[in-house]
Structures are given as C-alpha cells and as structure tokens.
Amino acid sequence: MKIVVLVKEVPDTYGDRKLNLKTGLADRGASDAVIDEIGERALEVALAHADAHPDTEVAVVSMAPESSTATVRKTLAMGAGAALHIVDEALRGADIGLTAEALASAVRREGFDLVIAGNLSTDGSGGVIPAMIAEWLDTPHLTGLGTVEITDGGVSGARITDDGTQRVAAALPAVISVTEALPEARFPNFKGIVAAKKKPLDVVSLAELGVDAEDFSIPRSIMLSVTAKPPRVAGVKIADEGDAGERIAEYLITNRLA
C-alpha cells in the first residue's frame, strides 16, 4: 500500500501573523515557519499504520517556497520514505482552486492508494482542499475523521457532528482528512535525521505537473486589493439612568443585532 500525506509549511501559530500590504500575501518573515500541526497528525496516522504493516510506503507531498526544503525534509526525518516538493513562482498567492489542482497533480504523479490530509490549515483555514483534491482524483473522500482504520482494501473512521458520531467508510483509492482528535506526531530522532539525508526529495514545477496557472477556463479567484485590519475602537457605554433597557434595545436595532 502507498499512502501519500499532504503537509504544509505555515507561520508559527504562536508568532505574529501579518500581511504584506504591497503583495497581499502573508509576511513569512514575521514568525518562524513550521509544519502545520494538523499535517503532522496526518503523517502520524500514516506512519503508525506503516509501523504495523512494513509493506506500507509513505510519501509526503508539499506545495511551498524553495526556502522550505528543511521543513519538507523534517517529514523524512519523522519517518516518511520520500517527499515531493512543488516549487513554482506562479504559485505565489495561489487560491484554493489552483492549490488543489497542483496538489492533486503531484499526488497522481506520485501514485497512491490513500491520501491523508489535515482538515483545516492554521493559516488559510479554507477547509476544502481535501475534498477538492478528491474531485480532481475522482476518488471517494471521508472528511473530518477523529479516528481512522486502514485495511488492505478500504479506510473507515468516525467523525463527530452536532447530532452525534457518524461512522463512514470507503474503498481504496480514497482521500481522507483528519482532525486534532488524532494523536500528536512523533519527534524525529537522531537516526531518522541522519536517514533523511539519503531519502529522495524531488522538486517539481507546475510545468512538470502539467498545470497551467494562467488557465482561467478553470475558475480562479484573484485578489484585487488588501488593507490592514483597522485598530479596535472603544465600544459604546450606556450608563443606567432609568432608561438603559430602551437605549440598549435601540442600539441593537440600529446595528441590526436584534
């Protein structure tokens, strides 16, 4: 079995997050760059299965700037057997449509039985990439799983909903996304760090994947402008002079809050 895991480099959750007002893109220099934690959990699902089933091959696919090589290689130190790194200037500021197309093309190139991704990145927070990739790959997809069971011919798991727990299953090949209910990822050990230097890490461009970023016959979103978030202002204070209830009600109605 071959499992492909999607990982993403993101600004550290505990650091500052800023936009470059000239480009409209995230200022990657404002904080440290790390692997998104949910991606690490997705990788842990694959590695745990590989630990119990030695015939399992685990590969990582990541779309990130050229400067992200060390971050991608960390996944090899954690235990992945190979990595595919998509690097292309045309991907700067890519919307989720282009992102999904590029990742799906990379996964198809890599070959797969199962694709595992996090359900929601901590920077873009789109939450739809796994489902869009499944559409590109024409496979079933199971989203938002809090438990995962992988067999030779299928994958199943449970997702928590407002109404309870749903049990879902699909035949392979398939795409799944996982939540933070899954275990935290393992840390790379010294042996893994040394071994990672000898593992294959292929860097590919959009042209090599057969993806045209300028093909607008496929719906794309384009950023037209960006502005800084306005500073917070003091709220309205209402002192009770016998008519506070009426004034609060008037405020809520005026601001369409009631």
C-alpha atoms as a PDB file:
ATOM      1  CA  MET A   1       0.000   0.000   0.000  1.00  0.00           C
ATOM      2  CA  LYS A   2       1.149   3.526  -0.731  1.00  0.00           C
ATOM      3  CA  ILE A   3      -0.033   6.391   1.460  1.00  0.00           C
ATOM      4  CA  VAL A   4       0.556   9.985   0.391  1.00  0.00           C
ATOM      5  CA  VAL A   5       0.354  12.639   3.114  1.00  0.00           C
ATOM      6  CA  LEU A   6      -0.177  16.322   2.401  1.00  0.00           C
ATOM      7  CA  VAL A   7       1.791  18.682   4.626  1.00  0.00           C
ATOM      8  CA  LYS A   8       2.040  22.446   4.637  1.00  0.00           C
ATOM      9  CA  GLU A   9       4.551  24.969   5.947  1.00  0.00           C
ATOM     10  CA  VAL A  10       2.796  27.715   7.918  1.00  0.00           C
ATOM     11  CA  PRO A  11       3.787  30.643  10.144  1.00  0.00           C
ATOM     12  CA  ASP A  12       4.194  29.503  13.734  1.00  0.00           C
ATOM     13  CA  THR A  13       0.826  29.674  15.487  1.00  0.00           C
ATOM     14  CA  TYR A  14       2.466  31.314  18.493  1.00  0.00           C
ATOM     15  CA  GLY A  15       4.202  34.012  16.442  1.00  0.00           C
ATOM     16  CA  ASP A  16       2.996  37.228  14.851  1.00  0.00           C
ATOM     17  CA  ARG A  17       0.857  36.957  11.737  1.00  0.00           C
ATOM     18  CA  LYS A  18       0.973  39.857   9.358  1.00  0.00           C
ATOM     19  CA  LEU A  19       0.072  40.628   5.764  1.00  0.00           C
ATOM     20  CA  ASN A  20       2.433  42.308   3.360  1.00  0.00           C
ATOM     21  CA  LEU A  21       0.246  45.198   2.239  1.00  0.00           C
ATOM     22  CA  LYS A  22       2.135  45.532  -1.052  1.00  0.00           C
ATOM     23  CA  THR A  23       1.709  41.936  -2.172  1.00  0.00           C
ATOM     24  CA  GLY A  24      -1.353  40.952  -0.162  1.00  0.00           C
ATOM     25  CA  LEU A  25       0.458  37.801   0.912  1.00  0.00           C
ATOM     26  CA  ALA A  26       1.348  36.568   4.369  1.00  0.00           C
ATOM     27  CA  ASP A  27       4.580  38.038   5.677  1.00  0.00           C
ATOM     28  CA  ARG A  28       6.528  34.803   6.110  1.00  0.00           C
ATOM     29  CA  GLY A  29       9.351  36.641   7.822  1.00  0.00           C
ATOM     30  CA  ALA A  30       7.160  37.834  10.699  1.00  0.00           C
ATOM     31  CA  SER A  31       7.418  34.499  12.530  1.00  0.00           C
ATOM     32  CA  ASP A  32       9.123  31.135  12.351  1.00  0.00           C
ATOM     33  CA  ALA A  33       7.995  28.681   9.680  1.00  0.00           C
ATOM     34  CA  VAL A  34       6.843  25.240  10.884  1.00  0.00           C
ATOM     35  CA  ILE A  35       4.933  22.230   9.584  1.00  0.00           C
ATOM     36  CA  ASP A  36       1.260  22.727  10.270  1.00  0.00           C
ATOM     37  CA  GLU A  37       0.393  20.627  13.321  1.00  0.00           C
ATOM     38  CA  ILE A  38      -2.646  19.063  11.657  1.00  0.00           C
ATOM     39  CA  GLY A  39      -0.402  17.928   8.797  1.00  0.00           C
ATOM     40  CA  GLU A  40       1.943  16.320  11.295  1.00  0.00           C
ATOM     41  CA  ARG A  41      -1.001  14.442  12.798  1.00  0.00           C
ATOM     42  CA  ALA A  42      -1.983  13.243   9.332  1.00  0.00           C
ATOM     43  CA  LEU A  43       1.574  11.996   8.840  1.00  0.00           C
ATOM     44  CA  GLU A  44       1.451  10.222  12.202  1.00  0.00           C
ATOM     45  CA  VAL A  45      -1.636   8.277  11.052  1.00  0.00           C
ATOM     46  CA  ALA A  46       0.298   7.050   8.014  1.00  0.00           C
ATOM     47  CA  LEU A  47       3.488   6.277   9.951  1.00  0.00           C
ATOM     48  CA  ALA A  48       1.611   4.386  12.668  1.00  0.00           C
ATOM     49  CA  HIS A  49      -0.007   2.211  10.006  1.00  0.00           C
ATOM     50  CA  ALA A  50       3.398   1.671   8.353  1.00  0.00           C
ATOM     51  CA  ASP A  51       4.882   0.631  11.703  1.00  0.00           C
ATOM     52  CA  ALA A  52       2.301  -2.160  11.929  1.00  0.00           C
ATOM     53  CA  HIS A  53       2.413  -3.021   8.226  1.00  0.00           C
ATOM     54  CA  PRO A  54       6.016  -3.000   6.913  1.00  0.00           C
ATOM     55  CA  ASP A  55       4.860  -3.282   3.294  1.00  0.00           C
ATOM     56  CA  THR A  56       3.345   0.217   3.526  1.00  0.00           C
ATOM     57  CA  GLU A  57       5.102   3.050   1.688  1.00  0.00           C
ATOM     58  CA  VAL A  58       4.631   6.600   2.998  1.00  0.00           C
ATOM     59  CA  ALA A  59       5.358   9.637   0.834  1.00  0.00           C
ATOM     60  CA  VAL A  60       4.830  13.324   1.508  1.00  0.00           C
ATOM     61  CA  VAL A  61       3.638  16.000  -0.911  1.00  0.00           C
ATOM     62  CA  SER A  62       4.050  19.682  -0.081  1.00  0.00           C
ATOM     63  CA  MET A  63       3.488  22.898  -2.003  1.00  0.00           C
ATOM     64  CA  ALA A  64       5.836  25.504  -0.547  1.00  0.00           C
ATOM     65  CA  PRO A  65       8.519  28.056  -1.470  1.00  0.00           C
ATOM     66  CA  GLU A  66      12.023  26.892  -2.332  1.00  0.00           C
ATOM     67  CA  SER A  67      13.169  28.068   1.096  1.00  0.00           C
ATOM     68  CA  SER A  68      11.006  25.371   2.713  1.00  0.00           C
ATOM     69  CA  THR A  69      13.296  22.451   1.898  1.00  0.00           C
ATOM     70  CA  ALA A  70      14.333  21.965   5.532  1.00  0.00           C
ATOM     71  CA  THR A  71      10.716  21.850   6.626  1.00  0.00           C
ATOM     72  CA  VAL A  72       9.849  19.243   3.993  1.00  0.00           C
ATOM     73  CA  ARG A  73      12.910  17.193   4.894  1.00  0.00           C
ATOM     74  CA  LYS A  74      11.739  17.109   8.515  1.00  0.00           C
ATOM     75  CA  THR A  75       8.891  14.842   7.388  1.00  0.00           C
ATOM     76  CA  LEU A  76      11.523  12.412   6.087  1.00  0.00           C
ATOM     77  CA  ALA A  77      13.274  12.523   9.453  1.00  0.00           C
ATOM     78  CA  MET A  78       9.951  11.709  11.113  1.00  0.00           C
ATOM     79  CA  GLY A  79       9.711   8.538   9.030  1.00  0.00           C
ATOM     80  CA  ALA A  80       8.286   9.250   5.571  1.00  0.00           C
ATOM     81  CA  GLY A  81      10.120   7.370   2.822  1.00  0.00           C
ATOM     82  CA  ALA A  82      10.066  10.065   0.140  1.00  0.00           C
ATOM     83  CA  ALA A  83       8.868  13.612  -0.481  1.00  0.00           C
ATOM     84  CA  LEU A  84       7.654  15.605  -3.463  1.00  0.00           C
ATOM     85  CA  HIS A  85       8.111  19.382  -3.136  1.00  0.00           C
ATOM     86  CA  ILE A  86       6.177  21.622  -5.534  1.00  0.00           C
ATOM     87  CA  VAL A  87       8.067  24.873  -6.137  1.00  0.00           C
ATOM     88  CA  ASP A  88       6.942  27.486  -8.659  1.00  0.00           C
ATOM     89  CA  GLU A  89       6.780  31.294  -8.585  1.00  0.00           C
ATOM     90  CA  ALA A  90       3.376  31.093 -10.279  1.00  0.00           C
ATOM     91  CA  LEU A  91       2.047  29.620  -7.029  1.00  0.00           C
ATOM     92  CA  ARG A  92       2.712  32.767  -5.003  1.00  0.00           C
ATOM     93  CA  GLY A  93      -0.689  33.764  -3.636  1.00  0.00           C
ATOM     94  CA  ALA A  94      -2.397  30.774  -5.271  1.00  0.00           C
ATOM     95  CA  ASP A  95      -6.087  30.407  -4.449  1.00  0.00           C
ATOM     96  CA  ILE A  96      -7.514  27.119  -3.172  1.00  0.00           C
ATOM     97  CA  GLY A  97      -8.543  26.085  -6.693  1.00  0.00           C
ATOM     98  CA  LEU A  98      -5.017  26.266  -8.107  1.00  0.00           C
ATOM     99  CA  THR A  99      -3.616  24.790  -4.900  1.00  0.00           C
ATOM    100  CA  ALA A 100      -5.914  21.767  -5.097  1.00  0.00           C
ATOM    101  CA  GLU A 101      -5.145  21.245  -8.790  1.00  0.00           C
ATOM    102  CA  ALA A 102      -1.386  21.368  -8.198  1.00  0.00           C
ATOM    103  CA  LEU A 103      -1.509  19.038  -5.195  1.00  0.00           C
ATOM    104  CA  ALA A 104      -3.780  16.564  -6.976  1.00  0.00           C
ATOM    105  CA  SER A 105      -1.452  16.506  -9.982  1.00  0.00           C
ATOM    106  CA  ALA A 106       1.509  15.845  -7.676  1.00  0.00           C
ATOM    107  CA  VAL A 107      -0.346  13.050  -5.880  1.00  0.00           C
ATOM    108  CA  ARG A 108      -1.303  11.486  -9.222  1.00  0.00           C
ATOM    109  CA  ARG A 109       2.330  11.667 -10.330  1.00  0.00           C
ATOM    110  CA  GLU A 110       3.481  10.061  -7.081  1.00  0.00           C
ATOM    111  CA  GLY A 111       0.905   7.242  -7.226  1.00  0.00           C
ATOM    112  CA  PHE A 112      -1.305   6.401  -4.248  1.00  0.00           C
ATOM    113  CA  ASP A 113      -3.763   4.086  -2.579  1.00  0.00           C
ATOM    114  CA  LEU A 114      -4.690   6.542   0.165  1.00  0.00           C
ATOM    115  CA  VAL A 115      -4.224  10.298   0.586  1.00  0.00           C
ATOM    116  CA  ILE A 116      -4.284  11.734   4.117  1.00  0.00           C
ATOM    117  CA  ALA A 117      -4.531  15.450   4.881  1.00  0.00           C
ATOM    118  CA  GLY A 118      -5.415  17.685   7.785  1.00  0.00           C
ATOM    119  CA  ASN A 119      -8.948  19.028   7.753  1.00  0.00           C
ATOM    120  CA  LEU A 120      -8.031  22.697   8.218  1.00  0.00           C
ATOM    121  CA  SER A 121      -4.754  24.602   7.918  1.00  0.00           C
ATOM    122  CA  THR A 122      -3.902  27.178  10.556  1.00  0.00           C
ATOM    123  CA  ASP A 123      -3.090  29.908   8.036  1.00  0.00           C
ATOM    124  CA  GLY A 124      -5.557  29.745   5.130  1.00  0.00           C
ATOM    125  CA  SER A 125      -8.298  27.895   7.061  1.00  0.00           C
ATOM    126  CA  GLY A 126     -10.084  27.022   3.812  1.00  0.00           C
ATOM    127  CA  GLY A 127     -11.094  23.549   4.943  1.00  0.00           C
ATOM    128  CA  VAL A 128     -11.986  22.344   1.441  1.00  0.00           C
ATOM    129  CA  ILE A 129      -8.661  21.284  -0.089  1.00  0.00           C
ATOM    130  CA  PRO A 130      -9.020  17.523   0.699  1.00  0.00           C
ATOM    131  CA  ALA A 131     -12.484  17.394  -0.878  1.00  0.00           C
ATOM    132  CA  MET A 132     -11.312  19.330  -3.948  1.00  0.00           C
ATOM    133  CA  ILE A 133      -8.331  17.017  -4.380  1.00  0.00           C
ATOM    134  CA  ALA A 134     -10.652  14.016  -4.190  1.00  0.00           C
ATOM    135  CA  GLU A 135     -12.707  15.550  -7.002  1.00  0.00           C
ATOM    136  CA  TRP A 136      -9.596  16.028  -9.142  1.00  0.00           C
ATOM    137  CA  LEU A 137      -8.527  12.431  -8.444  1.00  0.00           C
ATOM    138  CA  ASP A 138     -12.079  11.102  -8.911  1.00  0.00           C
ATOM    139  CA  THR A 139     -11.970   9.151  -5.647  1.00  0.00           C
ATOM    140  CA  PRO A 140     -14.250   8.915  -2.614  1.00  0.00           C
ATOM    141  CA  HIS A 141     -13.357  11.157   0.299  1.00  0.00           C
ATOM    142  CA  LEU A 142     -14.002  10.965   4.030  1.00  0.00           C
ATOM    143  CA  THR A 143     -13.681  14.283   5.818  1.00  0.00           C
ATOM    144  CA  GLY A 144     -13.125  15.387   9.397  1.00  0.00           C
ATOM    145  CA  LEU A 145     -12.220  11.984  10.838  1.00  0.00           C
ATOM    146  CA  GLY A 146     -11.428  11.709  14.535  1.00  0.00           C
ATOM    147  CA  THR A 147     -10.500   8.021  14.234  1.00  0.00           C
ATOM    148  CA  VAL A 148      -9.011   6.152  11.282  1.00  0.00           C
ATOM    149  CA  GLU A 149      -8.823   2.436  10.470  1.00  0.00           C
ATOM    150  CA  ILE A 150      -6.946   1.375   7.325  1.00  0.00           C
ATOM    151  CA  THR A 151      -7.266  -2.077   5.754  1.00  0.00           C
ATOM    152  CA  ASP A 152      -5.883  -3.592   2.566  1.00  0.00           C
ATOM    153  CA  GLY A 153      -8.930  -2.606   0.558  1.00  0.00           C
ATOM    154  CA  GLY A 154     -10.504   0.291   2.385  1.00  0.00           C
ATOM    155  CA  VAL A 155     -10.471   3.003   5.013  1.00  0.00           C
ATOM    156  CA  SER A 156     -13.020   3.877   7.681  1.00  0.00           C
ATOM    157  CA  GLY A 157     -13.401   6.126  10.676  1.00  0.00           C
ATOM    158  CA  ALA A 158     -15.672   8.251  12.797  1.00  0.00           C
ATOM    159  CA  ARG A 159     -16.478  11.933  12.664  1.00  0.00           C
ATOM    160  CA  ILE A 160     -18.141  13.999  15.363  1.00  0.00           C
ATOM    161  CA  THR A 161     -21.162  16.049  14.306  1.00  0.00           C
ATOM    162  CA  ASP A 162     -23.631  18.268  16.146  1.00  0.00           C
ATOM    163  CA  ASP A 163     -26.032  15.323  16.237  1.00  0.00           C
ATOM    164  CA  GLY A 164     -23.619  12.610  17.326  1.00  0.00           C
ATOM    165  CA  THR A 165     -20.974  10.357  15.804  1.00  0.00           C
ATOM    166  CA  GLN A 166     -21.008   9.188  12.194  1.00  0.00           C
ATOM    167  CA  ARG A 167     -19.236   6.024  11.064  1.00  0.00           C
ATOM    168  CA  VAL A 168     -18.062   6.296   7.466  1.00  0.00           C
ATOM    169  CA  ALA A 169     -16.099   4.032   5.126  1.00  0.00           C
ATOM    170  CA  ALA A 170     -14.777   3.961   1.571  1.00  0.00           C
ATOM    171  CA  ALA A 171     -12.943   1.598  -0.712  1.00  0.00           C
ATOM    172  CA  LEU A 172      -9.413   2.448  -1.801  1.00  0.00           C
ATOM    173  CA  PRO A 173      -8.141   4.514  -3.512  1.00  0.00           C
ATOM    174  CA  ALA A 174      -9.533   7.339  -1.391  1.00  0.00           C
ATOM    175  CA  VAL A 175      -8.795  10.705   0.201  1.00  0.00           C
ATOM    176  CA  ILE A 176      -9.381  11.399   3.891  1.00  0.00           C
ATOM    177  CA  SER A 177      -8.893  14.381   6.181  1.00  0.00           C
ATOM    178  CA  VAL A 178      -8.270  14.145   9.918  1.00  0.00           C
ATOM    179  CA  THR A 179      -8.877  16.382  12.905  1.00  0.00           C
ATOM    180  CA  GLU A 180      -6.940  17.234  16.041  1.00  0.00           C
ATOM    181  CA  ALA A 181      -8.633  14.294  17.784  1.00  0.00           C
ATOM    182  CA  LEU A 182      -5.882  12.126  16.266  1.00  0.00           C
ATOM    183  CA  PRO A 183      -2.633  11.597  18.242  1.00  0.00           C
ATOM    184  CA  GLU A 184       0.184  14.124  18.164  1.00  0.00           C
ATOM    185  CA  ALA A 185       3.073  13.402  15.819  1.00  0.00           C
ATOM    186  CA  ARG A 186       6.303  11.724  16.869  1.00  0.00           C
ATOM    187  CA  PHE A 187       9.547  13.695  17.129  1.00  0.00           C
ATOM    188  CA  PRO A 188      12.371  12.967  14.699  1.00  0.00           C
ATOM    189  CA  ASN A 189      15.174  11.043  16.420  1.00  0.00           C
ATOM    190  CA  PHE A 190      18.862  11.154  15.562  1.00  0.00           C
ATOM    191  CA  LYS A 191      18.650   8.020  13.439  1.00  0.00           C
ATOM    192  CA  GLY A 192      15.753   9.478  11.483  1.00  0.00           C
ATOM    193  CA  ILE A 193      17.540  12.796  10.931  1.00  0.00           C
ATOM    194  CA  VAL A 194      20.598  11.030   9.543  1.00  0.00           C
ATOM    195  CA  ALA A 195      18.494   8.711   7.355  1.00  0.00           C
ATOM    196  CA  ALA A 196      16.505  11.660   5.959  1.00  0.00           C
ATOM    197  CA  LYS A 197      19.595  12.956   4.147  1.00  0.00           C
ATOM    198  CA  LYS A 198      19.615   9.859   1.938  1.00  0.00           C
ATOM    199  CA  LYS A 199      15.884   9.710   1.207  1.00  0.00           C
ATOM    200  CA  PRO A 200      14.549  11.039  -2.121  1.00  0.00           C
ATOM    201  CA  LEU A 201      13.192  14.591  -2.118  1.00  0.00           C
ATOM    202  CA  ASP A 202      12.043  15.561  -5.612  1.00  0.00           C
ATOM    203  CA  VAL A 203      11.387  19.201  -6.518  1.00  0.00           C
ATOM    204  CA  VAL A 204       8.926  19.766  -9.358  1.00  0.00           C
ATOM    205  CA  SER A 205       7.416  22.779 -11.119  1.00  0.00           C
ATOM    206  CA  LEU A 206       3.874  23.342 -12.375  1.00  0.00           C
ATOM    207  CA  ALA A 207       5.034  22.661 -15.930  1.00  0.00           C
ATOM    208  CA  GLU A 208       6.342  19.255 -14.881  1.00  0.00           C
ATOM    209  CA  LEU A 209       2.953  18.531 -13.309  1.00  0.00           C
ATOM    210  CA  GLY A 210       1.079  19.701 -16.394  1.00  0.00           C
ATOM    211  CA  VAL A 211      -0.664  22.531 -14.529  1.00  0.00           C
ATOM    212  CA  ASP A 212      -1.211  25.943 -16.149  1.00  0.00           C
ATOM    213  CA  ALA A 213      -1.655  28.669 -13.531  1.00  0.00           C
ATOM    214  CA  GLU A 214      -2.936  31.030 -16.232  1.00  0.00           C
ATOM    215  CA  ASP A 215      -5.694  28.707 -17.426  1.00  0.00           C
ATOM    216  CA  PHE A 216      -8.726  30.731 -16.410  1.00  0.00           C
ATOM    217  CA  SER A 217     -11.146  28.304 -18.035  1.00  0.00           C
ATOM    218  CA  ILE A 218     -10.808  26.693 -14.597  1.00  0.00           C
ATOM    219  CA  PRO A 219     -12.358  29.046 -12.002  1.00  0.00           C
ATOM    220  CA  ARG A 220      -9.727  31.024 -10.128  1.00  0.00           C
ATOM    221  CA  SER A 221     -10.058  33.815  -7.595  1.00  0.00           C
ATOM    222  CA  ILE A 222      -7.904  36.932  -7.935  1.00  0.00           C
ATOM    223  CA  MET A 223      -7.049  39.350  -5.126  1.00  0.00           C
ATOM    224  CA  LEU A 224      -7.911  42.900  -6.141  1.00  0.00           C
ATOM    225  CA  SER A 225      -6.847  44.838  -3.051  1.00  0.00           C
ATOM    226  CA  VAL A 226      -5.754  44.428   0.546  1.00  0.00           C
ATOM    227  CA  THR A 227      -5.872  46.743   3.540  1.00  0.00           C
ATOM    228  CA  ALA A 228      -4.701  46.466   7.122  1.00  0.00           C
ATOM    229  CA  LYS A 229      -7.221  45.497   9.754  1.00  0.00           C
ATOM    230  CA  PRO A 230      -8.465  48.725  11.405  1.00  0.00           C
ATOM    231  CA  PRO A 231      -7.477  49.228  15.035  1.00  0.00           C
ATOM    232  CA  ARG A 232     -10.082  48.405  17.637  1.00  0.00           C
ATOM    233  CA  VAL A 233     -12.074  51.341  18.952  1.00  0.00           C
ATOM    234  CA  ALA A 234     -13.762  51.790  22.294  1.00  0.00           C
ATOM    235  CA  GLY A 235     -17.277  50.411  22.471  1.00  0.00           C
ATOM    236  CA  VAL A 236     -20.423  52.314  23.382  1.00  0.00           C
ATOM    237  CA  LYS A 237     -21.034  52.679  27.109  1.00  0.00           C
ATOM    238  CA  ILE A 238     -24.559  53.011  28.422  1.00  0.00           C
ATOM    239  CA  ALA A 239     -24.994  54.259  31.960  1.00  0.00           C
ATOM    240  CA  ASP A 240     -28.249  53.237  33.589  1.00  0.00           C
ATOM    241  CA  GLU A 241     -30.304  56.310  34.321  1.00  0.00           C
ATOM    242  CA  GLY A 242     -33.606  54.515  34.288  1.00  0.00           C
ATOM    243  CA  ASP A 243     -33.735  54.120  30.514  1.00  0.00           C
ATOM    244  CA  ALA A 244     -30.803  51.724  29.941  1.00  0.00           C
ATOM    245  CA  GLY A 245     -33.048  48.942  28.674  1.00  0.00           C
ATOM    246  CA  GLU A 246     -34.585  51.145  25.991  1.00  0.00           C
ATOM    247  CA  ARG A 247     -31.193  52.512  24.936  1.00  0.00           C
ATOM    248  CA  ILE A 248     -29.700  49.001  24.667  1.00  0.00           C
ATOM    249  CA  ALA A 249     -32.645  47.859  22.585  1.00  0.00           C
ATOM    250  CA  GLU A 250     -32.295  50.927  20.340  1.00  0.00           C
ATOM    251  CA  TYR A 251     -28.558  50.248  19.923  1.00  0.00           C
ATOM    252  CA  LEU A 252     -29.174  46.621  18.971  1.00  0.00           C
ATOM    253  CA  ILE A 253     -31.856  47.548  16.440  1.00  0.00           C
ATOM    254  CA  THR A 254     -29.741  50.349  14.921  1.00  0.00           C
ATOM    255  CA  ASN A 255     -26.795  47.990  14.448  1.00  0.00           C
ATOM    256  CA  ARG A 256     -29.036  45.180  13.179  1.00  0.00           C
ATOM    257  CA  LEU A 257     -28.124  42.955  16.096  1.00  0.00           C
ATOM    258  CA  ALA A 258     -31.691  42.203  17.076  1.00  0.00           C
END
